[in-house]
C-alpha atoms as a PDB file:
ATOM      1  CA  UNK A   1      -7.902  -0.291   9.235  1.00  0.00           C
ATOM      2  CA  UNK A   2      -9.637   2.183   6.987  1.00  0.00           C
ATOM      3  CA  UNK A   3     -13.187   3.429   7.401  1.00  0.00           C
ATOM      4  CA  UNK A   4     -15.928   3.410   4.788  1.00  0.00           C
ATOM      5  CA  UNK A   5     -16.815   7.008   3.804  1.00  0.00           C
ATOM      6  CA  UNK A   6     -20.507   6.061   3.753  1.00  0.00           C
ATOM      7  CA  UNK A   7     -21.148   4.041   6.934  1.00  0.00           C
ATOM      8  CA  UNK A   8     -17.837   4.498   8.847  1.00  0.00           C
ATOM      9  CA  UNK A   9     -17.489   0.713   9.071  1.00  0.00           C
ATOM     10  CA  UNK A  10     -13.929  -0.530   9.450  1.00  0.00           C
ATOM     11  CA  UNK A  11     -12.359  -2.217   6.407  1.00  0.00           C
ATOM     12  CA  UNK A  12      -9.163  -4.269   6.676  1.00  0.00           C
ATOM     13  CA  UNK A  13      -6.304  -3.258   4.385  1.00  0.00           C
ATOM     14  CA  UNK A  14      -6.177  -6.716   2.819  1.00  0.00           C
ATOM     15  CA  UNK A  15      -9.763  -6.294   1.544  1.00  0.00           C
ATOM     16  CA  UNK A  16      -9.022  -3.015  -0.234  1.00  0.00           C
ATOM     17  CA  UNK A  17      -8.753  -3.167  -4.030  1.00  0.00           C
ATOM     18  CA  UNK A  18      -8.914  -0.562  -6.779  1.00  0.00           C
ATOM     19  CA  UNK A  19     -12.715  -1.059  -6.918  1.00  0.00           C
ATOM     20  CA  UNK A  20     -14.660  -3.031  -4.300  1.00  0.00           C
ATOM     21  CA  UNK A  21     -17.817  -2.936  -2.186  1.00  0.00           C
ATOM     22  CA  UNK A  22     -18.046  -2.151   1.506  1.00  0.00           C
ATOM     23  CA  UNK A  23     -18.737  -5.373   3.450  1.00  0.00           C
ATOM     24  CA  UNK A  24     -21.020  -3.454   5.841  1.00  0.00           C
ATOM     25  CA  UNK A  25     -23.249  -1.273   3.636  1.00  0.00           C
ATOM     26  CA  UNK A  26     -22.522  -2.653   0.117  1.00  0.00           C
ATOM     27  CA  UNK A  27     -21.642   0.791  -1.269  1.00  0.00           C
ATOM     28  CA  UNK A  28     -19.279   0.627  -4.237  1.00  0.00           C
ATOM     29  CA  UNK A  29     -15.896   2.125  -3.307  1.00  0.00           C
ATOM     30  CA  UNK A  30     -12.690   3.003  -5.127  1.00  0.00           C
ATOM     31  CA  UNK A  31      -9.196   3.455  -3.742  1.00  0.00           C
ATOM     32  CA  UNK A  32      -5.787   4.652  -4.861  1.00  0.00           C
ATOM     33  CA  UNK A  33      -4.345   1.179  -4.143  1.00  0.00           C
ATOM     34  CA  UNK A  34      -2.157   1.047  -7.256  1.00  0.00           C
ATOM     35  CA  UNK A  35      -0.608   4.453  -6.653  1.00  0.00           C
ATOM     36  CA  UNK A  36       0.031   3.723  -2.964  1.00  0.00           C
ATOM     37  CA  UNK A  37       1.659   0.396  -3.864  1.00  0.00           C
ATOM     38  CA  UNK A  38       3.891   2.044  -6.482  1.00  0.00           C
ATOM     39  CA  UNK A  39       5.025   4.792  -4.102  1.00  0.00           C
ATOM     40  CA  UNK A  40       5.747   2.322  -1.300  1.00  0.00           C
ATOM     41  CA  UNK A  41       7.836   0.135  -3.644  1.00  0.00           C
ATOM     42  CA  UNK A  42       9.840   3.186  -4.736  1.00  0.00           C
ATOM     43  CA  UNK A  43      10.411   4.155  -1.099  1.00  0.00           C
ATOM     44  CA  UNK A  44      11.482   0.579  -0.255  1.00  0.00           C
ATOM     45  CA  UNK A  45      13.984   0.685  -3.115  1.00  0.00           C
ATOM     46  CA  UNK A  46      15.373   4.016  -1.937  1.00  0.00           C
ATOM     47  CA  UNK A  47      15.629   2.785   1.669  1.00  0.00           C
ATOM     48  CA  UNK A  48      17.639  -0.260   0.616  1.00  0.00           C
ATOM     49  CA  UNK A  49      20.065   1.758  -1.582  1.00  0.00           C
ATOM     50  CA  UNK A  50      22.632   2.670   1.107  1.00  0.00           C
ATOM     51  CA  UNK A  51      23.059  -0.966   2.078  1.00  0.00           C
ATOM     52  CA  UNK A  52      23.201  -2.083  -1.547  1.00  0.00           C
ATOM     53  CA  UNK A  53      25.850   0.540  -2.329  1.00  0.00           C
ATOM     54  CA  UNK A  54      27.953  -0.665   0.608  1.00  0.00           C
ATOM     55  CA  UNK A  55      27.828  -4.376  -0.224  1.00  0.00           C
ATOM     56  CA  UNK A  56      27.293  -4.257  -3.995  1.00  0.00           C
ATOM     57  CA  UNK A  57      24.181  -3.656  -6.080  1.00  0.00           C
ATOM     58  CA  UNK A  58      23.680  -7.335  -6.915  1.00  0.00           C
ATOM     59  CA  UNK A  59      24.610  -8.790  -3.552  1.00  0.00           C
ATOM     60  CA  UNK A  60      22.127 -11.509  -2.582  1.00  0.00           C
ATOM     61  CA  UNK A  61      23.543 -12.672   0.729  1.00  0.00           C
ATOM     62  CA  UNK A  62      21.504 -12.840   3.929  1.00  0.00           C
ATOM     63  CA  UNK A  63      22.180  -9.236   4.987  1.00  0.00           C
ATOM     64  CA  UNK A  64      21.152  -7.884   1.596  1.00  0.00           C
ATOM     65  CA  UNK A  65      17.884  -9.810   1.714  1.00  0.00           C
ATOM     66  CA  UNK A  66      17.276  -8.724   5.316  1.00  0.00           C
ATOM     67  CA  UNK A  67      17.772  -5.069   4.350  1.00  0.00           C
ATOM     68  CA  UNK A  68      15.220  -5.415   1.521  1.00  0.00           C
ATOM     69  CA  UNK A  69      12.697  -6.998   3.878  1.00  0.00           C
ATOM     70  CA  UNK A  70      13.176  -4.283   6.508  1.00  0.00           C
ATOM     71  CA  UNK A  71      12.880  -1.585   3.821  1.00  0.00           C
ATOM     72  CA  UNK A  72       9.640  -3.155   2.540  1.00  0.00           C
ATOM     73  CA  UNK A  73       8.144  -3.322   6.053  1.00  0.00           C
ATOM     74  CA  UNK A  74       9.054   0.300   6.798  1.00  0.00           C
ATOM     75  CA  UNK A  75       7.628   1.426   3.438  1.00  0.00           C
ATOM     76  CA  UNK A  76       4.390  -0.450   4.137  1.00  0.00           C
ATOM     77  CA  UNK A  77       3.933   1.026   7.603  1.00  0.00           C
ATOM     78  CA  UNK A  78       5.094   4.579   6.870  1.00  0.00           C
ATOM     79  CA  UNK A  79       3.937   5.099   3.275  1.00  0.00           C
ATOM     80  CA  UNK A  80       1.411   2.520   2.057  1.00  0.00           C
ATOM     81  CA  UNK A  81      -1.051   2.417   4.964  1.00  0.00           C
ATOM     82  CA  UNK A  82      -1.374   6.208   5.417  1.00  0.00           C
ATOM     83  CA  UNK A  83      -1.451   6.886   1.651  1.00  0.00           C
ATOM     84  CA  UNK A  84      -4.499   4.729   0.830  1.00  0.00           C
ATOM     85  CA  UNK A  85      -7.726   6.703   0.559  1.00  0.00           C
ATOM     86  CA  UNK A  86     -11.251   5.414  -0.051  1.00  0.00           C
ATOM     87  CA  UNK A  87     -13.952   7.179  -2.069  1.00  0.00           C
ATOM     88  CA  UNK A  88     -17.489   6.293  -3.050  1.00  0.00           C
ATOM     89  CA  UNK A  89     -17.717   5.310  -6.703  1.00  0.00           C
ATOM     90  CA  UNK A  90     -19.831   7.652  -8.775  1.00  0.00           C
ATOM     91  CA  UNK A  91     -22.758   6.094 -10.577  1.00  0.00           C
ATOM     92  CA  UNK A  92     -22.610   6.128 -14.374  1.00  0.00           C
ATOM     93  CA  UNK A  93     -25.036   8.478 -16.075  1.00  0.00           C
ATOM     94  CA  UNK A  94     -27.598   6.687 -18.254  1.00  0.00           C
END
C-alpha cells in the first residue's frame, strides 16, 4: 500500500497508474509505474538466467516455468513495490 502525498490516504498498488486521482481526496497524482515495471521485468529476467543457462535458454518444461514465476514474484516484492513513488501532478499554466 502506498500513501497519497496530499491526504496520506492508503492507495492499493493495483489502483496505481501513470496518472490517476486519489480515491480519498481526488487530487491528481502521477507515478513512475512504467519505470518500476521495466526495472522489475529486467530483474526477473536476470534472476531466471542461472536456471535457464543450466537447462537451456529455450527450455519450457515445468521447472523452467516455475523458475520464471518465482523470479517474477521476487522481482515484484523486492523491486516493483518499493520502487513506485507517487507525486502530485502539477497544474498546467494557462
